């Protein structure tokens, strides 16, 4: 398998990606999968792991950093813009269609965590995506509005909405606005703020387990008002008869979002539970990633092999 550093454009912003191409013989262009990273992640973490594992099984895969994050361009740094995140996935599909190794009629999308929601939204409006799968999917707007478990006091998000325009005002005055810090200093503080879900995130992003210098440590406050009215799940019926697979850990506090998204799908769909896995366990824990990859391999193998043309499904 060969890994190549690539760049491509997303609405005028250069994105940095890693393209994985199998080194086994092929009779022609291969099916391909775009892999989106979690909300504060980068391509070298969970997205890269899944991209590599799926490339080992015969798919061309592309993991990339979202605009404003990682090695990709865009200012201000740390902006989480849901509309642009969806555009990034479509731009990644466009890039794959230009590659000689790729069969442009057999492209799928895989979204992990926040990219799960973004991938559903991108698929709904881009018929080049023939099949879509998610791992630990969330709608990041729902998570901010309602909390990871769906039980957050509405006053919490209202207080964030009050802070977001203050940051805009500060910037308009030519001053440096504050940022929204994603993780506290210790796992105990993370648990106090976000329960076990917060502690799991800290253990992944802020310890040697998966820490990366380009992984987002903060978001701009303008991210909050951009997320406020976004809804990753409302377009799901537009996916139509293109197949959907959602992989969820039985211990994931965020699983209610995958269930809600699944219920909105009107075409061929499957929700697959990984016993014992929490939300973040599916990012890198071998005992959970292995069965997830096997399920994804079968799903994309079946459905991308059946794809005939970019307009063959609706």
C-alpha atoms as a PDB file:
ATOM      1  CA  UNK A   1       0.000   0.000   0.000  1.00  0.00           C
ATOM      2  CA  UNK A   2       1.281   3.455  -0.917  1.00  0.00           C
ATOM      3  CA  UNK A   3       0.494   6.608   1.053  1.00  0.00           C
ATOM      4  CA  UNK A   4       0.847   9.886  -0.837  1.00  0.00           C
ATOM      5  CA  UNK A   5       0.494  13.433   0.470  1.00  0.00           C
ATOM      6  CA  UNK A   6      -1.961  15.349  -1.697  1.00  0.00           C
ATOM      7  CA  UNK A   7      -3.650  18.740  -1.799  1.00  0.00           C
ATOM      8  CA  UNK A   8      -6.937  19.802  -3.358  1.00  0.00           C
ATOM      9  CA  UNK A   9      -9.266  22.792  -3.329  1.00  0.00           C
ATOM     10  CA  UNK A  10     -12.401  23.243  -1.218  1.00  0.00           C
ATOM     11  CA  UNK A  11     -14.220  26.476  -2.114  1.00  0.00           C
ATOM     12  CA  UNK A  12     -10.911  28.292  -2.497  1.00  0.00           C
ATOM     13  CA  UNK A  13      -9.189  26.759   0.539  1.00  0.00           C
ATOM     14  CA  UNK A  14      -6.378  24.232  -0.005  1.00  0.00           C
ATOM     15  CA  UNK A  15      -6.930  20.990   1.872  1.00  0.00           C
ATOM     16  CA  UNK A  16      -4.158  18.593   2.884  1.00  0.00           C
ATOM     17  CA  UNK A  17      -4.792  14.893   2.546  1.00  0.00           C
ATOM     18  CA  UNK A  18      -3.262  11.446   2.550  1.00  0.00           C
ATOM     19  CA  UNK A  19      -4.197   9.216  -0.374  1.00  0.00           C
ATOM     20  CA  UNK A  20      -3.861   5.477   0.245  1.00  0.00           C
ATOM     21  CA  UNK A  21      -3.602   3.182  -2.783  1.00  0.00           C
ATOM     22  CA  UNK A  22      -3.421  -0.625  -2.502  1.00  0.00           C
ATOM     23  CA  UNK A  23      -0.324  -2.219  -3.952  1.00  0.00           C
ATOM     24  CA  UNK A  24      -2.107  -5.405  -4.990  1.00  0.00           C
ATOM     25  CA  UNK A  25      -2.813  -5.917  -8.706  1.00  0.00           C
ATOM     26  CA  UNK A  26      -6.105  -4.575 -10.065  1.00  0.00           C
ATOM     27  CA  UNK A  27      -7.821  -5.120 -13.414  1.00  0.00           C
ATOM     28  CA  UNK A  28      -8.808  -1.465 -13.609  1.00  0.00           C
ATOM     29  CA  UNK A  29      -9.703   1.572 -11.544  1.00  0.00           C
ATOM     30  CA  UNK A  30     -10.699   0.744  -7.985  1.00  0.00           C
ATOM     31  CA  UNK A  31     -13.606   1.757  -5.755  1.00  0.00           C
ATOM     32  CA  UNK A  32     -12.697   4.621  -3.426  1.00  0.00           C
ATOM     33  CA  UNK A  33     -13.763   5.947  -0.041  1.00  0.00           C
ATOM     34  CA  UNK A  34     -13.501   9.457   1.381  1.00  0.00           C
ATOM     35  CA  UNK A  35     -12.835   9.329   5.145  1.00  0.00           C
ATOM     36  CA  UNK A  36     -13.724  12.316   7.346  1.00  0.00           C
ATOM     37  CA  UNK A  37     -12.135  12.909  10.761  1.00  0.00           C
ATOM     38  CA  UNK A  38     -13.809  13.630  14.121  1.00  0.00           C
ATOM     39  CA  UNK A  39     -14.524  17.193  15.195  1.00  0.00           C
ATOM     40  CA  UNK A  40     -11.200  17.978  16.821  1.00  0.00           C
ATOM     41  CA  UNK A  41      -9.161  15.372  14.982  1.00  0.00           C
ATOM     42  CA  UNK A  42      -6.704  15.363  12.108  1.00  0.00           C
ATOM     43  CA  UNK A  43      -6.020  12.953   9.258  1.00  0.00           C
ATOM     44  CA  UNK A  44      -3.184  11.279  11.160  1.00  0.00           C
ATOM     45  CA  UNK A  45      -5.556   9.964  13.851  1.00  0.00           C
ATOM     46  CA  UNK A  46      -8.778   7.927  13.513  1.00  0.00           C
ATOM     47  CA  UNK A  47      -9.489   8.916   9.910  1.00  0.00           C
ATOM     48  CA  UNK A  48      -6.023   7.841   8.834  1.00  0.00           C
ATOM     49  CA  UNK A  49      -6.313   4.556  10.706  1.00  0.00           C
ATOM     50  CA  UNK A  50      -9.570   3.638   8.972  1.00  0.00           C
ATOM     51  CA  UNK A  51      -8.294   4.872   5.615  1.00  0.00           C
ATOM     52  CA  UNK A  52      -5.196   2.700   5.897  1.00  0.00           C
ATOM     53  CA  UNK A  53      -7.095  -0.360   7.060  1.00  0.00           C
ATOM     54  CA  UNK A  54      -9.617  -0.075   4.220  1.00  0.00           C
ATOM     55  CA  UNK A  55      -6.840   0.471   1.674  1.00  0.00           C
ATOM     56  CA  UNK A  56      -5.302  -2.791   2.863  1.00  0.00           C
ATOM     57  CA  UNK A  57      -8.588  -4.382   1.781  1.00  0.00           C
ATOM     58  CA  UNK A  58      -8.477  -3.082  -1.755  1.00  0.00           C
ATOM     59  CA  UNK A  59     -10.044   0.388  -1.688  1.00  0.00           C
ATOM     60  CA  UNK A  60      -8.398   3.650  -2.654  1.00  0.00           C
ATOM     61  CA  UNK A  61      -8.985   5.886   0.377  1.00  0.00           C
ATOM     62  CA  UNK A  62      -8.532   9.562   1.142  1.00  0.00           C
ATOM     63  CA  UNK A  63      -8.203  11.024   4.652  1.00  0.00           C
ATOM     64  CA  UNK A  64      -7.861  14.785   4.854  1.00  0.00           C
ATOM     65  CA  UNK A  65      -7.815  17.718   7.252  1.00  0.00           C
ATOM     66  CA  UNK A  66     -10.875  19.950   7.280  1.00  0.00           C
ATOM     67  CA  UNK A  67     -10.581  23.570   6.210  1.00  0.00           C
ATOM     68  CA  UNK A  68      -9.249  25.840   8.983  1.00  0.00           C
ATOM     69  CA  UNK A  69      -7.720  22.843  10.774  1.00  0.00           C
ATOM     70  CA  UNK A  70      -4.686  20.560  10.703  1.00  0.00           C
ATOM     71  CA  UNK A  71      -2.400  21.129   7.715  1.00  0.00           C
ATOM     72  CA  UNK A  72      -5.203  22.549   5.586  1.00  0.00           C
ATOM     73  CA  UNK A  73      -5.567  26.249   4.850  1.00  0.00           C
ATOM     74  CA  UNK A  74      -8.163  28.731   5.996  1.00  0.00           C
ATOM     75  CA  UNK A  75      -8.408  31.598   8.466  1.00  0.00           C
ATOM     76  CA  UNK A  76      -9.217  31.906  11.286  1.00  0.00           C
ATOM     77  CA  UNK A  77      -7.590  28.767  12.586  1.00  0.00           C
ATOM     78  CA  UNK A  78      -9.870  26.560  14.642  1.00  0.00           C
ATOM     79  CA  UNK A  79     -13.083  27.498  12.840  1.00  0.00           C
ATOM     80  CA  UNK A  80     -15.677  24.717  12.785  1.00  0.00           C
ATOM     81  CA  UNK A  81     -17.994  25.668   9.942  1.00  0.00           C
ATOM     82  CA  UNK A  82     -20.535  22.878   9.305  1.00  0.00           C
ATOM     83  CA  UNK A  83     -21.428  24.108   5.831  1.00  0.00           C
ATOM     84  CA  UNK A  84     -17.769  24.154   4.822  1.00  0.00           C
ATOM     85  CA  UNK A  85     -17.167  20.741   6.408  1.00  0.00           C
ATOM     86  CA  UNK A  86     -19.841  19.348   4.087  1.00  0.00           C
ATOM     87  CA  UNK A  87     -18.201  21.183   1.182  1.00  0.00           C
ATOM     88  CA  UNK A  88     -14.852  19.633   2.141  1.00  0.00           C
ATOM     89  CA  UNK A  89     -16.280  16.126   1.735  1.00  0.00           C
ATOM     90  CA  UNK A  90     -17.701  16.985  -1.676  1.00  0.00           C
ATOM     91  CA  UNK A  91     -14.364  18.503  -2.673  1.00  0.00           C
ATOM     92  CA  UNK A  92     -12.662  15.263  -1.630  1.00  0.00           C
ATOM     93  CA  UNK A  93     -15.039  13.341  -3.880  1.00  0.00           C
ATOM     94  CA  UNK A  94     -14.222  15.731  -6.722  1.00  0.00           C
ATOM     95  CA  UNK A  95     -10.515  15.124  -6.164  1.00  0.00           C
ATOM     96  CA  UNK A  96     -10.979  11.360  -6.291  1.00  0.00           C
ATOM     97  CA  UNK A  97     -12.808  11.609  -9.617  1.00  0.00           C
ATOM     98  CA  UNK A  98      -9.632  13.058 -11.136  1.00  0.00           C
ATOM     99  CA  UNK A  99      -7.440  10.145 -10.088  1.00  0.00           C
ATOM    100  CA  UNK A 100      -6.616   7.421 -12.591  1.00  0.00           C
ATOM    101  CA  UNK A 101      -6.596   4.787  -9.835  1.00  0.00           C
ATOM    102  CA  UNK A 102     -10.239   5.532  -8.978  1.00  0.00           C
ATOM    103  CA  UNK A 103     -13.461   4.420 -10.621  1.00  0.00           C
ATOM    104  CA  UNK A 104     -15.481   7.631 -10.390  1.00  0.00           C
ATOM    105  CA  UNK A 105     -18.713   5.631 -10.506  1.00  0.00           C
ATOM    106  CA  UNK A 106     -17.771   3.745  -7.314  1.00  0.00           C
ATOM    107  CA  UNK A 107     -17.076   6.297  -4.589  1.00  0.00           C
ATOM    108  CA  UNK A 108     -18.295   5.996  -0.998  1.00  0.00           C
ATOM    109  CA  UNK A 109     -18.024   8.127   2.112  1.00  0.00           C
ATOM    110  CA  UNK A 110     -17.127   7.227   5.686  1.00  0.00           C
ATOM    111  CA  UNK A 111     -17.606   9.747   8.478  1.00  0.00           C
ATOM    112  CA  UNK A 112     -16.293   9.326  12.002  1.00  0.00           C
ATOM    113  CA  UNK A 113     -17.905  11.221  14.902  1.00  0.00           C
ATOM    114  CA  UNK A 114     -18.752  14.742  13.660  1.00  0.00           C
ATOM    115  CA  UNK A 115     -17.850  13.725  10.121  1.00  0.00           C
ATOM    116  CA  UNK A 116     -20.543  11.086  10.427  1.00  0.00           C
ATOM    117  CA  UNK A 117     -23.134  13.839  10.459  1.00  0.00           C
ATOM    118  CA  UNK A 118     -21.321  15.779   7.766  1.00  0.00           C
ATOM    119  CA  UNK A 119     -21.042  12.684   5.548  1.00  0.00           C
ATOM    120  CA  UNK A 120     -24.783  12.083   5.775  1.00  0.00           C
ATOM    121  CA  UNK A 121     -25.468  15.662   4.761  1.00  0.00           C
ATOM    122  CA  UNK A 122     -22.937  15.549   1.909  1.00  0.00           C
ATOM    123  CA  UNK A 123     -24.344  12.280   0.586  1.00  0.00           C
ATOM    124  CA  UNK A 124     -27.873  13.657   0.648  1.00  0.00           C
ATOM    125  CA  UNK A 125     -26.988  16.317  -1.919  1.00  0.00           C
ATOM    126  CA  UNK A 126     -24.161  14.655  -3.870  1.00  0.00           C
ATOM    127  CA  UNK A 127     -25.226  11.643  -5.943  1.00  0.00           C
ATOM    128  CA  UNK A 128     -21.626  10.841  -6.788  1.00  0.00           C
ATOM    129  CA  UNK A 129     -21.476   9.234  -3.335  1.00  0.00           C
ATOM    130  CA  UNK A 130     -22.850   5.748  -3.926  1.00  0.00           C
ATOM    131  CA  UNK A 131     -22.830   4.454  -0.345  1.00  0.00           C
ATOM    132  CA  UNK A 132     -22.278   6.073   3.049  1.00  0.00           C
ATOM    133  CA  UNK A 133     -21.158   4.685   6.393  1.00  0.00           C
ATOM    134  CA  UNK A 134     -20.568   6.229   9.798  1.00  0.00           C
ATOM    135  CA  UNK A 135     -18.646   5.278  12.932  1.00  0.00           C
ATOM    136  CA  UNK A 136     -19.760   6.827  16.254  1.00  0.00           C
ATOM    137  CA  UNK A 137     -21.756   9.384  14.272  1.00  0.00           C
ATOM    138  CA  UNK A 138     -22.859  12.649  15.822  1.00  0.00           C
ATOM    139  CA  UNK A 139     -24.463  15.803  14.570  1.00  0.00           C
ATOM    140  CA  UNK A 140     -22.053  18.302  16.085  1.00  0.00           C
ATOM    141  CA  UNK A 141     -24.793  20.920  16.319  1.00  0.00           C
ATOM    142  CA  UNK A 142     -26.991  18.579  18.342  1.00  0.00           C
ATOM    143  CA  UNK A 143     -24.045  17.752  20.570  1.00  0.00           C
ATOM    144  CA  UNK A 144     -23.409  21.420  21.322  1.00  0.00           C
ATOM    145  CA  UNK A 145     -27.096  22.252  21.743  1.00  0.00           C
ATOM    146  CA  UNK A 146     -28.163  19.167  23.689  1.00  0.00           C
ATOM    147  CA  UNK A 147     -24.968  17.623  25.042  1.00  0.00           C
ATOM    148  CA  UNK A 148     -23.321  14.325  24.169  1.00  0.00           C
ATOM    149  CA  UNK A 149     -26.025  12.442  26.061  1.00  0.00           C
ATOM    150  CA  UNK A 150     -28.893  14.618  24.847  1.00  0.00           C
ATOM    151  CA  UNK A 151     -29.741  15.768  28.371  1.00  0.00           C
ATOM    152  CA  UNK A 152     -27.855  19.074  28.609  1.00  0.00           C
ATOM    153  CA  UNK A 153     -29.597  22.031  30.255  1.00  0.00           C
ATOM    154  CA  UNK A 154     -30.623  24.408  27.398  1.00  0.00           C
ATOM    155  CA  UNK A 155     -29.139  27.270  29.415  1.00  0.00           C
ATOM    156  CA  UNK A 156     -25.647  25.912  28.694  1.00  0.00           C
ATOM    157  CA  UNK A 157     -25.903  26.492  24.967  1.00  0.00           C
ATOM    158  CA  UNK A 158     -27.689  29.796  25.456  1.00  0.00           C
ATOM    159  CA  UNK A 159     -24.713  30.996  27.462  1.00  0.00           C
ATOM    160  CA  UNK A 160     -22.425  29.961  24.617  1.00  0.00           C
ATOM    161  CA  UNK A 161     -24.605  31.828  22.137  1.00  0.00           C
ATOM    162  CA  UNK A 162     -24.254  34.906  24.329  1.00  0.00           C
ATOM    163  CA  UNK A 163     -20.458  34.631  24.249  1.00  0.00           C
ATOM    164  CA  UNK A 164     -20.154  34.073  20.488  1.00  0.00           C
ATOM    165  CA  UNK A 165     -21.269  37.558  19.343  1.00  0.00           C
ATOM    166  CA  UNK A 166     -19.058  39.155  21.998  1.00  0.00           C
ATOM    167  CA  UNK A 167     -16.101  37.518  20.252  1.00  0.00           C
ATOM    168  CA  UNK A 168     -17.259  38.949  16.926  1.00  0.00           C
ATOM    169  CA  UNK A 169     -17.475  42.411  18.472  1.00  0.00           C
ATOM    170  CA  UNK A 170     -13.990  42.089  19.918  1.00  0.00           C
ATOM    171  CA  UNK A 171     -12.614  41.130  16.512  1.00  0.00           C
ATOM    172  CA  UNK A 172     -14.440  44.008  14.819  1.00  0.00           C
ATOM    173  CA  UNK A 173     -12.618  46.383  17.149  1.00  0.00           C
ATOM    174  CA  UNK A 174      -9.300  45.046  15.923  1.00  0.00           C
ATOM    175  CA  UNK A 175      -8.612  43.072  19.085  1.00  0.00           C
ATOM    176  CA  UNK A 176      -7.825  39.387  19.442  1.00  0.00           C
ATOM    177  CA  UNK A 177     -10.988  37.500  20.389  1.00  0.00           C
ATOM    178  CA  UNK A 178     -10.984  34.734  22.989  1.00  0.00           C
ATOM    179  CA  UNK A 179     -11.263  31.093  21.893  1.00  0.00           C
ATOM    180  CA  UNK A 180     -13.351  28.179  23.079  1.00  0.00           C
ATOM    181  CA  UNK A 181     -10.944  25.725  24.718  1.00  0.00           C
ATOM    182  CA  UNK A 182     -11.925  22.144  23.973  1.00  0.00           C
ATOM    183  CA  UNK A 183     -10.106  20.283  26.727  1.00  0.00           C
ATOM    184  CA  UNK A 184      -9.152  21.231  30.299  1.00  0.00           C
ATOM    185  CA  UNK A 185      -5.774  20.481  31.835  1.00  0.00           C
ATOM    186  CA  UNK A 186      -6.517  17.117  33.472  1.00  0.00           C
ATOM    187  CA  UNK A 187      -8.689  14.076  32.919  1.00  0.00           C
ATOM    188  CA  UNK A 188     -10.377  14.761  36.262  1.00  0.00           C
ATOM    189  CA  UNK A 189     -11.426  18.196  35.043  1.00  0.00           C
ATOM    190  CA  UNK A 190     -12.589  16.683  31.762  1.00  0.00           C
ATOM    191  CA  UNK A 191     -14.728  14.178  33.639  1.00  0.00           C
ATOM    192  CA  UNK A 192     -16.200  16.896  35.847  1.00  0.00           C
ATOM    193  CA  UNK A 193     -17.156  18.959  32.791  1.00  0.00           C
ATOM    194  CA  UNK A 194     -18.249  16.228  30.392  1.00  0.00           C
ATOM    195  CA  UNK A 195     -18.698  13.015  32.337  1.00  0.00           C
ATOM    196  CA  UNK A 196     -17.166   9.811  31.007  1.00  0.00           C
ATOM    197  CA  UNK A 197     -17.517  11.067  27.442  1.00  0.00           C
ATOM    198  CA  UNK A 198     -15.324  14.044  28.327  1.00  0.00           C
ATOM    199  CA  UNK A 199     -12.819  11.783  30.034  1.00  0.00           C
ATOM    200  CA  UNK A 200     -12.698   9.450  27.034  1.00  0.00           C
ATOM    201  CA  UNK A 201     -12.035  12.365  24.701  1.00  0.00           C
ATOM    202  CA  UNK A 202      -9.248  13.658  26.935  1.00  0.00           C
ATOM    203  CA  UNK A 203      -7.634  10.205  27.075  1.00  0.00           C
ATOM    204  CA  UNK A 204      -7.557  10.043  23.279  1.00  0.00           C
ATOM    205  CA  UNK A 205      -6.633  13.588  22.285  1.00  0.00           C
ATOM    206  CA  UNK A 206      -4.478  14.747  25.182  1.00  0.00           C
ATOM    207  CA  UNK A 207      -2.352  11.727  26.134  1.00  0.00           C
ATOM    208  CA  UNK A 208       0.346   9.776  24.275  1.00  0.00           C
ATOM    209  CA  UNK A 209      -2.376   7.345  23.160  1.00  0.00           C
ATOM    210  CA  UNK A 210      -3.276   9.528  20.147  1.00  0.00           C
ATOM    211  CA  UNK A 211      -2.113  13.096  20.852  1.00  0.00           C
ATOM    212  CA  UNK A 212      -1.076  15.011  17.738  1.00  0.00           C
ATOM    213  CA  UNK A 213       0.364  18.538  17.619  1.00  0.00           C
ATOM    214  CA  UNK A 214      -2.105  19.633  14.929  1.00  0.00           C
ATOM    215  CA  UNK A 215      -5.212  18.215  16.584  1.00  0.00           C
ATOM    216  CA  UNK A 216      -7.528  21.081  17.514  1.00  0.00           C
ATOM    217  CA  UNK A 217      -7.124  22.360  21.083  1.00  0.00           C
ATOM    218  CA  UNK A 218      -9.729  25.090  20.614  1.00  0.00           C
ATOM    219  CA  UNK A 219     -12.508  26.380  18.389  1.00  0.00           C
ATOM    220  CA  UNK A 220     -13.224  29.953  17.471  1.00  0.00           C
ATOM    221  CA  UNK A 221     -16.328  31.331  19.151  1.00  0.00           C
ATOM    222  CA  UNK A 222     -17.756  32.045  15.700  1.00  0.00           C
ATOM    223  CA  UNK A 223     -17.982  28.276  15.343  1.00  0.00           C
ATOM    224  CA  UNK A 224     -20.774  28.283  17.917  1.00  0.00           C
ATOM    225  CA  UNK A 225     -23.217  30.481  16.048  1.00  0.00           C
ATOM    226  CA  UNK A 226     -22.407  28.671  12.781  1.00  0.00           C
ATOM    227  CA  UNK A 227     -23.325  25.389  14.459  1.00  0.00           C
ATOM    228  CA  UNK A 228     -26.412  26.772  16.188  1.00  0.00           C
ATOM    229  CA  UNK A 229     -28.812  26.345  13.285  1.00  0.00           C
ATOM    230  CA  UNK A 230     -27.112  23.481  11.442  1.00  0.00           C
ATOM    231  CA  UNK A 231     -28.949  20.153  11.219  1.00  0.00           C
ATOM    232  CA  UNK A 232     -26.963  17.254   9.792  1.00  0.00           C
ATOM    233  CA  UNK A 233     -29.914  14.881   9.939  1.00  0.00           C
ATOM    234  CA  UNK A 234     -32.742  16.770   8.255  1.00  0.00           C
ATOM    235  CA  UNK A 235     -31.440  16.040   4.710  1.00  0.00           C
ATOM    236  CA  UNK A 236     -31.101  12.267   5.327  1.00  0.00           C
ATOM    237  CA  UNK A 237     -34.257  11.298   3.381  1.00  0.00           C
ATOM    238  CA  UNK A 238     -32.586  12.766   0.288  1.00  0.00           C
ATOM    239  CA  UNK A 239     -30.064   9.909   0.423  1.00  0.00           C
ATOM    240  CA  UNK A 240     -32.939   7.904  -0.998  1.00  0.00           C
ATOM    241  CA  UNK A 241     -32.109   4.341  -1.995  1.00  0.00           C
ATOM    242  CA  UNK A 242     -28.360   4.629  -1.619  1.00  0.00           C
ATOM    243  CA  UNK A 243     -27.252   2.283   1.173  1.00  0.00           C
ATOM    244  CA  UNK A 244     -26.388   3.434   4.683  1.00  0.00           C
ATOM    245  CA  UNK A 245     -24.406   1.668   7.417  1.00  0.00           C
ATOM    246  CA  UNK A 246     -24.078   3.123  10.925  1.00  0.00           C
ATOM    247  CA  UNK A 247     -21.592   1.536  13.340  1.00  0.00           C
ATOM    248  CA  UNK A 248     -22.150   2.331  17.016  1.00  0.00           C
ATOM    249  CA  UNK A 249     -20.658   1.173  20.297  1.00  0.00           C
ATOM    250  CA  UNK A 250     -23.111  -0.278  22.812  1.00  0.00           C
ATOM    251  CA  UNK A 251     -21.548   1.892  25.536  1.00  0.00           C
ATOM    252  CA  UNK A 252     -21.473   5.106  23.486  1.00  0.00           C
ATOM    253  CA  UNK A 253     -23.293   7.925  25.262  1.00  0.00           C
ATOM    254  CA  UNK A 254     -23.795   9.498  21.828  1.00  0.00           C
ATOM    255  CA  UNK A 255     -25.588   6.467  20.370  1.00  0.00           C
ATOM    256  CA  UNK A 256     -28.972   8.235  20.475  1.00  0.00           C
ATOM    257  CA  UNK A 257     -27.815  10.411  17.588  1.00  0.00           C
ATOM    258  CA  UNK A 258     -27.010   7.440  15.366  1.00  0.00           C
ATOM    259  CA  UNK A 259     -30.397   5.953  16.246  1.00  0.00           C
ATOM    260  CA  UNK A 260     -32.160   9.200  15.318  1.00  0.00           C
ATOM    261  CA  UNK A 261     -30.271   9.456  12.026  1.00  0.00           C
ATOM    262  CA  UNK A 262     -30.981   5.808  11.237  1.00  0.00           C
ATOM    263  CA  UNK A 263     -34.692   6.291  11.802  1.00  0.00           C
ATOM    264  CA  UNK A 264     -34.753   9.118   9.241  1.00  0.00           C
ATOM    265  CA  UNK A 265     -33.221   7.044   6.448  1.00  0.00           C
ATOM    266  CA  UNK A 266     -35.728   5.706   3.933  1.00  0.00           C
ATOM    267  CA  UNK A 267     -33.551   3.384   1.844  1.00  0.00           C
ATOM    268  CA  UNK A 268     -31.429   0.294   2.511  1.00  0.00           C
ATOM    269  CA  UNK A 269     -29.954   0.777   5.964  1.00  0.00           C
ATOM    270  CA  UNK A 270     -28.283  -1.085   8.795  1.00  0.00           C
ATOM    271  CA  UNK A 271     -27.228  -0.072  12.267  1.00  0.00           C
ATOM    272  CA  UNK A 272     -24.435  -2.317  13.544  1.00  0.00           C
ATOM    273  CA  UNK A 273     -23.600  -2.413  17.252  1.00  0.00           C
ATOM    274  CA  UNK A 274     -20.077  -3.156  18.505  1.00  0.00           C
ATOM    275  CA  UNK A 275     -20.502  -4.817  21.885  1.00  0.00           C
ATOM    276  CA  UNK A 276     -18.710  -3.107  24.760  1.00  0.00           C
ATOM    277  CA  UNK A 277     -17.380  -0.160  22.757  1.00  0.00           C
ATOM    278  CA  UNK A 278     -17.714   3.449  23.869  1.00  0.00           C
ATOM    279  CA  UNK A 279     -17.813   6.375  21.459  1.00  0.00           C
ATOM    280  CA  UNK A 280     -14.052   6.990  21.431  1.00  0.00           C
ATOM    281  CA  UNK A 281     -13.119   3.294  21.656  1.00  0.00           C
ATOM    282  CA  UNK A 282     -14.060   2.999  17.982  1.00  0.00           C
ATOM    283  CA  UNK A 283     -11.381   5.554  17.076  1.00  0.00           C
ATOM    284  CA  UNK A 284      -8.439   3.245  17.761  1.00  0.00           C
ATOM    285  CA  UNK A 285      -9.040   0.329  20.150  1.00  0.00           C
ATOM    286  CA  UNK A 286      -8.064  -2.742  18.142  1.00  0.00           C
ATOM    287  CA  UNK A 287     -10.677  -5.041  19.663  1.00  0.00           C
ATOM    288  CA  UNK A 288     -13.393  -2.656  18.430  1.00  0.00           C
ATOM    289  CA  UNK A 289     -11.798  -1.264  15.270  1.00  0.00           C
ATOM    290  CA  UNK A 290     -11.158  -4.737  13.826  1.00  0.00           C
ATOM    291  CA  UNK A 291     -14.836  -5.771  13.673  1.00  0.00           C
ATOM    292  CA  UNK A 292     -15.814  -2.290  12.512  1.00  0.00           C
ATOM    293  CA  UNK A 293     -13.359  -2.493   9.604  1.00  0.00           C
ATOM    294  CA  UNK A 294     -14.593  -5.957   8.670  1.00  0.00           C
ATOM    295  CA  UNK A 295     -18.170  -4.680   8.597  1.00  0.00           C
ATOM    296  CA  UNK A 296     -17.165  -1.652   6.522  1.00  0.00           C
ATOM    297  CA  UNK A 297     -15.207  -3.830   4.102  1.00  0.00           C
ATOM    298  CA  UNK A 298     -18.236  -6.001   3.430  1.00  0.00           C
ATOM    299  CA  UNK A 299     -20.563  -3.014   3.166  1.00  0.00           C
ATOM    300  CA  UNK A 300     -18.476  -1.000   0.724  1.00  0.00           C
ATOM    301  CA  UNK A 301     -17.390  -4.111  -1.145  1.00  0.00           C
ATOM    302  CA  UNK A 302     -20.989  -5.130  -1.764  1.00  0.00           C
ATOM    303  CA  UNK A 303     -22.448  -1.747  -2.594  1.00  0.00           C
ATOM    304  CA  UNK A 304     -19.625  -0.076  -4.497  1.00  0.00           C
ATOM    305  CA  UNK A 305     -19.219  -3.184  -6.648  1.00  0.00           C
ATOM    306  CA  UNK A 306     -22.899  -2.886  -7.554  1.00  0.00           C
ATOM    307  CA  UNK A 307     -22.618   0.780  -8.539  1.00  0.00           C
ATOM    308  CA  UNK A 308     -22.820   1.231 -12.305  1.00  0.00           C
ATOM    309  CA  UNK A 309     -22.891   4.989 -12.847  1.00  0.00           C
ATOM    310  CA  UNK A 310     -23.045   8.135 -10.726  1.00  0.00           C
ATOM    311  CA  UNK A 311     -26.768   8.383 -11.471  1.00  0.00           C
ATOM    312  CA  UNK A 312     -27.667   4.746 -11.009  1.00  0.00           C
ATOM    313  CA  UNK A 313     -29.326   5.333  -7.624  1.00  0.00           C
ATOM    314  CA  UNK A 314     -31.570   7.950  -6.169  1.00  0.00           C
END
